[in-house]
């Protein structure tokens, strides 16, 4: 059990930032890596397999076919006496067939300097309501 409090609102803020960059309807799957906490500091990673943009920046017509774009949002947060300092980095990592993304995530866990556990996976399949429910659960 992790005894460090970390920053309770950090993952909520990180998911909001991810969704500000990627429409929820384009998210096929979301991996939430357990944050690394040290006192009132926290760092973490969200990874999402997203449907490639089609004309008009909408999801691809056939979500079951084709490739997924892998994007990540890493964050660092610190609760100070003056509030919360939060910074994040969004990156497009590449493309892969959807069935390969779980193996990619397993490789990420193996290569982490300080592994904090397996990521939690949420199958979204473009359903914005699932991400809104997750945000509600994470809201501080």
N, C-alpha and C. Protein backbone atom coordinates (compact mmCIF):
# COMPACT_ATOMS: atom_id res chain seq x y z
N UNK A 1 0.84 -1.18 0.00
CA UNK A 1 0.00 0.00 0.00
C UNK A 1 0.88 1.24 0.00
N UNK A 2 0.58 2.19 -0.86
CA UNK A 2 1.34 3.42 -0.98
C UNK A 2 0.93 4.38 0.13
N UNK A 3 1.89 4.75 0.99
CA UNK A 3 1.58 5.61 2.13
C UNK A 3 1.76 7.09 1.83
N UNK A 4 2.50 7.43 0.78
CA UNK A 4 2.68 8.83 0.42
C UNK A 4 1.37 9.37 -0.15
N UNK A 5 0.96 10.58 0.28
CA UNK A 5 -0.31 11.11 -0.20
C UNK A 5 -0.28 11.56 -1.65
N UNK A 6 0.89 11.92 -2.17
CA UNK A 6 0.94 12.41 -3.53
C UNK A 6 0.13 13.68 -3.68
N UNK A 7 -0.48 13.83 -4.84
CA UNK A 7 -1.32 15.00 -5.14
C UNK A 7 -2.66 14.46 -5.61
N UNK A 8 -3.67 14.43 -4.74
CA UNK A 8 -4.93 13.77 -5.07
C UNK A 8 -5.58 14.21 -6.38
N UNK A 9 -5.39 15.45 -6.79
CA UNK A 9 -6.06 15.92 -8.00
C UNK A 9 -5.23 15.72 -9.28
N UNK A 10 -4.03 15.19 -9.17
CA UNK A 10 -3.12 15.14 -10.31
C UNK A 10 -3.65 14.29 -11.47
N UNK A 11 -4.12 13.08 -11.20
CA UNK A 11 -4.59 12.24 -12.30
C UNK A 11 -5.83 12.83 -12.96
N UNK A 12 -6.70 13.44 -12.17
CA UNK A 12 -7.87 14.13 -12.71
C UNK A 12 -7.43 15.23 -13.69
N UNK A 13 -6.47 16.04 -13.27
CA UNK A 13 -5.97 17.11 -14.13
C UNK A 13 -5.31 16.55 -15.38
N UNK A 14 -4.55 15.47 -15.22
CA UNK A 14 -3.87 14.86 -16.36
C UNK A 14 -4.87 14.35 -17.39
N UNK A 15 -5.91 13.67 -16.94
CA UNK A 15 -6.91 13.16 -17.88
C UNK A 15 -7.64 14.31 -18.57
N UNK A 16 -7.94 15.38 -17.85
CA UNK A 16 -8.55 16.55 -18.48
C UNK A 16 -7.64 17.13 -19.55
N UNK A 17 -6.34 17.18 -19.28
CA UNK A 17 -5.40 17.71 -20.27
C UNK A 17 -5.32 16.80 -21.50
N UNK A 18 -5.33 15.50 -21.28
CA UNK A 18 -5.33 14.57 -22.41
C UNK A 18 -6.57 14.80 -23.28
N UNK A 19 -7.72 14.93 -22.63
CA UNK A 19 -8.97 15.10 -23.37
C UNK A 19 -9.09 16.48 -24.00
N UNK A 20 -8.31 17.44 -23.55
CA UNK A 20 -8.27 18.74 -24.21
C UNK A 20 -7.50 18.64 -25.53
N UNK A 21 -6.66 17.63 -25.66
CA UNK A 21 -5.86 17.45 -26.88
C UNK A 21 -6.44 16.40 -27.82
N UNK A 22 -7.17 15.44 -27.27
CA UNK A 22 -7.73 14.34 -28.06
C UNK A 22 -9.22 14.24 -27.75
N UNK A 23 -10.10 14.40 -28.74
CA UNK A 23 -11.52 14.24 -28.47
C UNK A 23 -11.83 12.85 -27.91
N UNK A 24 -12.69 12.79 -26.92
CA UNK A 24 -13.03 11.51 -26.27
C UNK A 24 -13.52 10.47 -27.28
N UNK A 25 -14.19 10.91 -28.32
CA UNK A 25 -14.73 9.99 -29.33
C UNK A 25 -13.63 9.29 -30.11
N UNK A 26 -12.41 9.80 -30.06
CA UNK A 26 -11.29 9.17 -30.77
C UNK A 26 -10.54 8.17 -29.90
N UNK A 27 -10.83 8.12 -28.60
CA UNK A 27 -10.09 7.23 -27.70
C UNK A 27 -10.65 5.82 -27.80
N UNK A 28 -9.79 4.88 -28.16
CA UNK A 28 -10.18 3.48 -28.23
C UNK A 28 -9.90 2.78 -26.90
N UNK A 29 -8.73 3.05 -26.31
CA UNK A 29 -8.35 2.45 -25.04
C UNK A 29 -7.46 3.38 -24.25
N UNK A 30 -7.54 3.29 -22.92
CA UNK A 30 -6.76 4.16 -22.04
C UNK A 30 -6.04 3.31 -21.00
N UNK A 31 -4.73 3.53 -20.87
CA UNK A 31 -3.92 2.88 -19.84
C UNK A 31 -3.54 3.92 -18.81
N UNK A 32 -3.85 3.64 -17.55
CA UNK A 32 -3.53 4.55 -16.44
C UNK A 32 -2.45 3.87 -15.59
N UNK A 33 -1.24 4.37 -15.71
CA UNK A 33 -0.13 3.81 -14.93
C UNK A 33 -0.20 4.34 -13.51
N UNK A 34 0.02 3.47 -12.52
CA UNK A 34 0.00 3.94 -11.13
C UNK A 34 1.06 5.03 -10.94
N UNK A 35 0.69 6.14 -10.32
CA UNK A 35 1.66 7.23 -10.15
C UNK A 35 2.75 6.87 -9.14
N UNK A 36 3.89 7.49 -9.33
CA UNK A 36 4.99 7.38 -8.39
C UNK A 36 4.85 8.55 -7.42
N UNK A 37 4.70 8.25 -6.14
CA UNK A 37 4.47 9.29 -5.13
C UNK A 37 5.62 9.33 -4.15
N UNK A 38 6.04 10.54 -3.84
CA UNK A 38 7.06 10.78 -2.81
C UNK A 38 6.61 12.00 -2.04
N UNK A 39 6.07 11.75 -0.87
CA UNK A 39 5.55 12.86 -0.07
C UNK A 39 4.41 13.55 -0.79
N UNK A 40 4.55 14.84 -0.99
CA UNK A 40 3.51 15.63 -1.68
C UNK A 40 3.86 15.87 -3.14
N UNK A 41 4.70 14.99 -3.71
CA UNK A 41 5.06 15.05 -5.12
C UNK A 41 4.55 13.78 -5.79
N UNK A 42 4.23 13.91 -7.06
CA UNK A 42 3.69 12.78 -7.80
C UNK A 42 4.06 12.93 -9.27
N UNK A 43 4.36 11.80 -9.91
CA UNK A 43 4.53 11.79 -11.35
C UNK A 43 3.79 10.57 -11.89
N UNK A 44 3.29 10.71 -13.10
CA UNK A 44 2.50 9.62 -13.65
C UNK A 44 2.44 9.65 -15.16
N UNK A 45 1.75 8.66 -15.72
CA UNK A 45 1.66 8.51 -17.16
C UNK A 45 0.28 7.98 -17.53
N UNK A 46 -0.31 8.61 -18.52
CA UNK A 46 -1.50 8.10 -19.19
C UNK A 46 -1.10 7.78 -20.62
N UNK A 47 -1.57 6.68 -21.15
CA UNK A 47 -1.33 6.33 -22.55
C UNK A 47 -2.67 5.97 -23.16
N UNK A 48 -2.87 6.39 -24.41
CA UNK A 48 -4.13 6.12 -25.08
C UNK A 48 -3.88 5.66 -26.50
N UNK A 49 -4.62 4.65 -26.90
CA UNK A 49 -4.67 4.25 -28.30
C UNK A 49 -5.86 4.98 -28.90
N UNK A 50 -5.60 5.80 -29.91
CA UNK A 50 -6.70 6.60 -30.46
C UNK A 50 -6.92 6.24 -31.93
N UNK A 51 -8.16 6.41 -32.36
CA UNK A 51 -8.50 6.21 -33.76
C UNK A 51 -7.82 7.32 -34.57
N UNK A 52 -7.23 6.97 -35.72
CA UNK A 52 -6.62 8.01 -36.55
C UNK A 52 -7.67 9.03 -36.98
N UNK A 53 -7.25 10.27 -37.13
CA UNK A 53 -8.17 11.32 -37.56
C UNK A 53 -8.56 11.07 -39.01
N UNK A 54 -9.83 11.25 -39.29
CA UNK A 54 -10.33 11.17 -40.65
C UNK A 54 -10.67 12.60 -41.08
N UNK A 55 -11.26 12.75 -42.22
CA UNK A 55 -11.65 14.09 -42.68
C UNK A 55 -12.54 14.73 -41.64
N UNK A 56 -12.27 15.96 -41.31
CA UNK A 56 -13.07 16.66 -40.31
C UNK A 56 -12.68 16.33 -38.89
N UNK A 57 -11.55 15.63 -38.69
CA UNK A 57 -11.04 15.30 -37.36
C UNK A 57 -12.04 14.48 -36.54
N UNK A 58 -12.68 13.52 -37.18
CA UNK A 58 -13.60 12.62 -36.50
C UNK A 58 -12.98 11.23 -36.46
N UNK A 59 -13.53 10.32 -35.66
CA UNK A 59 -12.97 8.96 -35.62
C UNK A 59 -13.04 8.29 -36.99
N UNK A 60 -12.17 7.33 -37.19
CA UNK A 60 -12.19 6.54 -38.42
C UNK A 60 -13.54 5.84 -38.54
N UNK A 61 -13.98 5.60 -39.76
CA UNK A 61 -15.30 5.03 -39.99
C UNK A 61 -15.44 3.62 -39.42
N UNK A 62 -14.39 2.83 -39.47
CA UNK A 62 -14.45 1.45 -38.99
C UNK A 62 -13.44 1.26 -37.85
N UNK A 63 -13.88 1.45 -36.59
CA UNK A 63 -12.95 1.36 -35.46
C UNK A 63 -12.27 0.00 -35.33
N UNK A 64 -12.88 -1.08 -35.83
CA UNK A 64 -12.30 -2.41 -35.68
C UNK A 64 -11.13 -2.63 -36.64
N UNK A 65 -11.08 -1.85 -37.70
CA UNK A 65 -10.04 -2.03 -38.70
C UNK A 65 -8.94 -0.98 -38.53
N UNK A 66 -7.81 -1.26 -39.12
CA UNK A 66 -6.77 -0.25 -39.18
C UNK A 66 -5.88 -0.20 -37.96
N UNK A 67 -5.21 0.93 -37.85
CA UNK A 67 -4.20 1.11 -36.82
C UNK A 67 -4.69 2.09 -35.78
N UNK A 68 -3.94 2.16 -34.68
CA UNK A 68 -4.22 3.14 -33.63
C UNK A 68 -2.98 4.01 -33.47
N UNK A 69 -3.22 5.25 -33.17
CA UNK A 69 -2.14 6.17 -32.85
C UNK A 69 -1.96 6.11 -31.34
N UNK A 70 -0.72 5.91 -30.90
CA UNK A 70 -0.44 5.86 -29.47
C UNK A 70 0.02 7.23 -29.02
N UNK A 71 -0.70 7.79 -28.04
CA UNK A 71 -0.32 9.08 -27.46
C UNK A 71 -0.11 8.89 -25.96
N UNK A 72 0.76 9.72 -25.40
CA UNK A 72 1.00 9.68 -23.96
C UNK A 72 0.93 11.07 -23.38
N UNK A 73 0.56 11.12 -22.12
CA UNK A 73 0.61 12.35 -21.35
C UNK A 73 1.28 12.00 -20.02
N UNK A 74 2.48 12.54 -19.84
CA UNK A 74 3.17 12.34 -18.57
C UNK A 74 3.01 13.61 -17.75
N UNK A 75 2.99 13.44 -16.43
CA UNK A 75 2.83 14.62 -15.59
C UNK A 75 3.68 14.54 -14.34
N UNK A 76 3.92 15.72 -13.80
CA UNK A 76 4.55 15.89 -12.49
C UNK A 76 3.72 16.92 -11.75
N UNK A 77 3.45 16.63 -10.49
CA UNK A 77 2.67 17.55 -9.67
C UNK A 77 3.29 17.62 -8.29
N UNK A 78 3.15 18.78 -7.68
CA UNK A 78 3.63 18.97 -6.31
C UNK A 78 2.66 19.89 -5.58
N UNK A 79 2.28 19.45 -4.41
CA UNK A 79 1.44 20.28 -3.56
C UNK A 79 2.37 21.11 -2.67
N UNK A 80 2.28 22.42 -2.85
CA UNK A 80 3.12 23.34 -2.08
C UNK A 80 2.23 24.13 -1.14
N UNK A 81 2.83 24.98 -0.34
CA UNK A 81 2.05 25.83 0.55
C UNK A 81 1.22 26.86 -0.20
N UNK A 82 1.53 27.05 -1.48
CA UNK A 82 0.83 28.04 -2.30
C UNK A 82 -0.15 27.41 -3.28
N UNK A 83 -0.35 26.12 -3.21
CA UNK A 83 -1.25 25.45 -4.13
C UNK A 83 -0.57 24.27 -4.81
N UNK A 84 -1.09 23.89 -5.96
CA UNK A 84 -0.56 22.74 -6.69
C UNK A 84 0.19 23.23 -7.93
N UNK A 85 1.43 22.79 -8.06
CA UNK A 85 2.18 23.02 -9.29
C UNK A 85 2.01 21.77 -10.14
N UNK A 86 1.61 21.96 -11.40
CA UNK A 86 1.31 20.84 -12.28
C UNK A 86 1.91 21.13 -13.64
N UNK A 87 2.64 20.17 -14.17
CA UNK A 87 3.16 20.30 -15.53
C UNK A 87 2.99 18.96 -16.24
N UNK A 88 2.74 19.04 -17.53
CA UNK A 88 2.53 17.80 -18.29
C UNK A 88 3.18 17.92 -19.65
N UNK A 89 3.41 16.75 -20.25
CA UNK A 89 3.98 16.66 -21.59
C UNK A 89 3.14 15.67 -22.39
N UNK A 90 2.62 16.13 -23.52
CA UNK A 90 1.82 15.31 -24.41
C UNK A 90 2.68 14.94 -25.61
N UNK A 91 2.65 13.65 -25.99
CA UNK A 91 3.42 13.20 -27.15
C UNK A 91 2.66 12.18 -27.96
N UNK A 92 2.80 12.27 -29.28
CA UNK A 92 2.35 11.21 -30.16
C UNK A 92 3.54 10.28 -30.34
N UNK A 93 3.37 9.02 -29.96
CA UNK A 93 4.49 8.07 -29.93
C UNK A 93 4.63 7.26 -31.21
N UNK A 94 3.54 7.07 -31.95
CA UNK A 94 3.60 6.28 -33.17
C UNK A 94 2.28 5.59 -33.43
N UNK A 95 2.29 4.66 -34.38
CA UNK A 95 1.09 3.92 -34.76
C UNK A 95 1.36 2.42 -34.67
N UNK A 96 0.30 1.67 -34.39
CA UNK A 96 0.41 0.21 -34.34
C UNK A 96 -0.98 -0.39 -34.51
N UNK A 97 -1.04 -1.65 -34.91
CA UNK A 97 -2.33 -2.34 -34.92
C UNK A 97 -2.86 -2.41 -33.48
N UNK A 98 -4.17 -2.33 -33.29
CA UNK A 98 -4.72 -2.30 -31.93
C UNK A 98 -4.36 -3.50 -31.07
N UNK A 99 -4.18 -4.67 -31.68
CA UNK A 99 -3.86 -5.86 -30.88
C UNK A 99 -2.42 -5.85 -30.35
N UNK A 100 -1.58 -4.96 -30.84
CA UNK A 100 -0.19 -4.89 -30.36
C UNK A 100 -0.02 -3.92 -29.19
N UNK A 101 -0.97 -3.03 -28.99
CA UNK A 101 -0.80 -2.03 -27.93
C UNK A 101 -0.64 -2.63 -26.53
N UNK A 102 -1.36 -3.68 -26.15
CA UNK A 102 -1.13 -4.26 -24.82
C UNK A 102 0.32 -4.72 -24.62
N UNK A 103 0.94 -5.28 -25.66
CA UNK A 103 2.34 -5.69 -25.55
C UNK A 103 3.27 -4.49 -25.42
N UNK A 104 2.92 -3.42 -26.12
CA UNK A 104 3.71 -2.19 -25.99
C UNK A 104 3.66 -1.70 -24.55
N UNK A 105 2.47 -1.72 -23.94
CA UNK A 105 2.32 -1.25 -22.56
C UNK A 105 3.08 -2.16 -21.59
N UNK A 106 3.09 -3.47 -21.84
CA UNK A 106 3.85 -4.38 -20.99
C UNK A 106 5.34 -4.05 -21.07
N UNK A 107 5.81 -3.68 -22.25
CA UNK A 107 7.20 -3.28 -22.40
C UNK A 107 7.51 -1.99 -21.66
N UNK A 108 6.56 -1.08 -21.63
CA UNK A 108 6.75 0.17 -20.87
C UNK A 108 6.96 -0.16 -19.40
N UNK A 109 6.15 -1.05 -18.86
CA UNK A 109 6.27 -1.43 -17.44
C UNK A 109 7.64 -2.04 -17.18
N UNK A 110 8.10 -2.92 -18.06
CA UNK A 110 9.41 -3.57 -17.87
C UNK A 110 10.55 -2.56 -17.87
N UNK A 111 10.42 -1.50 -18.66
CA UNK A 111 11.51 -0.53 -18.79
C UNK A 111 11.45 0.60 -17.77
N UNK A 112 10.42 0.69 -16.99
CA UNK A 112 10.30 1.78 -16.03
C UNK A 112 11.37 1.64 -14.94
N UNK A 113 11.99 2.77 -14.59
CA UNK A 113 13.02 2.77 -13.54
C UNK A 113 12.45 2.32 -12.20
N UNK A 114 11.31 2.86 -11.85
CA UNK A 114 10.68 2.55 -10.57
C UNK A 114 9.26 2.06 -10.84
N UNK A 115 9.14 0.80 -11.17
CA UNK A 115 7.83 0.25 -11.49
C UNK A 115 6.91 0.34 -10.28
N UNK A 116 5.72 0.85 -10.51
CA UNK A 116 4.75 1.00 -9.43
C UNK A 116 3.57 0.04 -9.59
N UNK A 117 3.66 -0.84 -10.57
CA UNK A 117 2.59 -1.80 -10.78
C UNK A 117 2.10 -1.76 -12.21
N UNK A 118 1.17 -2.65 -12.49
CA UNK A 118 0.59 -2.76 -13.82
C UNK A 118 -0.37 -1.60 -14.08
N UNK A 119 -0.45 -1.14 -15.33
CA UNK A 119 -1.42 -0.08 -15.64
C UNK A 119 -2.83 -0.64 -15.62
N UNK A 120 -3.77 0.22 -15.29
CA UNK A 120 -5.19 -0.13 -15.37
C UNK A 120 -5.67 0.24 -16.77
N UNK A 121 -6.38 -0.67 -17.41
CA UNK A 121 -6.84 -0.47 -18.78
C UNK A 121 -8.34 -0.23 -18.79
N UNK A 122 -8.75 0.74 -19.59
CA UNK A 122 -10.17 1.02 -19.80
C UNK A 122 -10.44 0.97 -21.30
N UNK A 123 -11.29 0.03 -21.72
CA UNK A 123 -11.71 -0.03 -23.12
C UNK A 123 -12.78 1.03 -23.33
N UNK A 124 -12.51 1.97 -24.21
CA UNK A 124 -13.40 3.11 -24.40
C UNK A 124 -14.19 2.99 -25.70
N UNK A 125 -13.53 2.56 -26.78
CA UNK A 125 -14.16 2.39 -28.09
C UNK A 125 -14.94 3.62 -28.53
N UNK A 126 -14.40 4.81 -28.23
CA UNK A 126 -15.03 6.05 -28.67
C UNK A 126 -16.22 6.49 -27.85
N UNK A 127 -16.50 5.83 -26.73
CA UNK A 127 -17.65 6.18 -25.89
C UNK A 127 -17.25 7.26 -24.88
N UNK A 128 -17.59 8.49 -25.19
CA UNK A 128 -17.22 9.63 -24.34
C UNK A 128 -17.80 9.50 -22.93
N UNK A 129 -18.93 8.82 -22.80
CA UNK A 129 -19.56 8.67 -21.48
C UNK A 129 -18.66 7.89 -20.51
N UNK A 130 -17.92 6.92 -21.02
CA UNK A 130 -17.01 6.16 -20.16
C UNK A 130 -15.91 7.05 -19.59
N UNK A 131 -15.39 7.94 -20.42
CA UNK A 131 -14.34 8.85 -19.94
C UNK A 131 -14.91 9.89 -18.99
N UNK A 132 -16.12 10.34 -19.24
CA UNK A 132 -16.75 11.29 -18.31
C UNK A 132 -17.00 10.63 -16.96
N UNK A 133 -17.38 9.36 -16.96
CA UNK A 133 -17.59 8.64 -15.69
C UNK A 133 -16.26 8.49 -14.95
N UNK A 134 -15.18 8.21 -15.68
CA UNK A 134 -13.87 8.11 -15.04
C UNK A 134 -13.46 9.45 -14.44
N UNK A 135 -13.67 10.53 -15.18
CA UNK A 135 -13.35 11.86 -14.64
C UNK A 135 -14.13 12.13 -13.36
N UNK A 136 -15.39 11.74 -13.35
CA UNK A 136 -16.20 11.95 -12.15
C UNK A 136 -15.63 11.16 -10.97
N UNK A 137 -15.17 9.92 -11.24
CA UNK A 137 -14.57 9.10 -10.17
C UNK A 137 -13.26 9.70 -9.66
N UNK A 138 -12.50 10.33 -10.55
CA UNK A 138 -11.20 10.88 -10.18
C UNK A 138 -11.28 12.28 -9.57
N UNK A 139 -12.40 12.94 -9.77
CA UNK A 139 -12.52 14.33 -9.31
C UNK A 139 -12.27 14.43 -7.81
N UNK A 140 -11.37 15.36 -7.42
CA UNK A 140 -11.06 15.47 -5.98
C UNK A 140 -12.21 16.05 -5.17
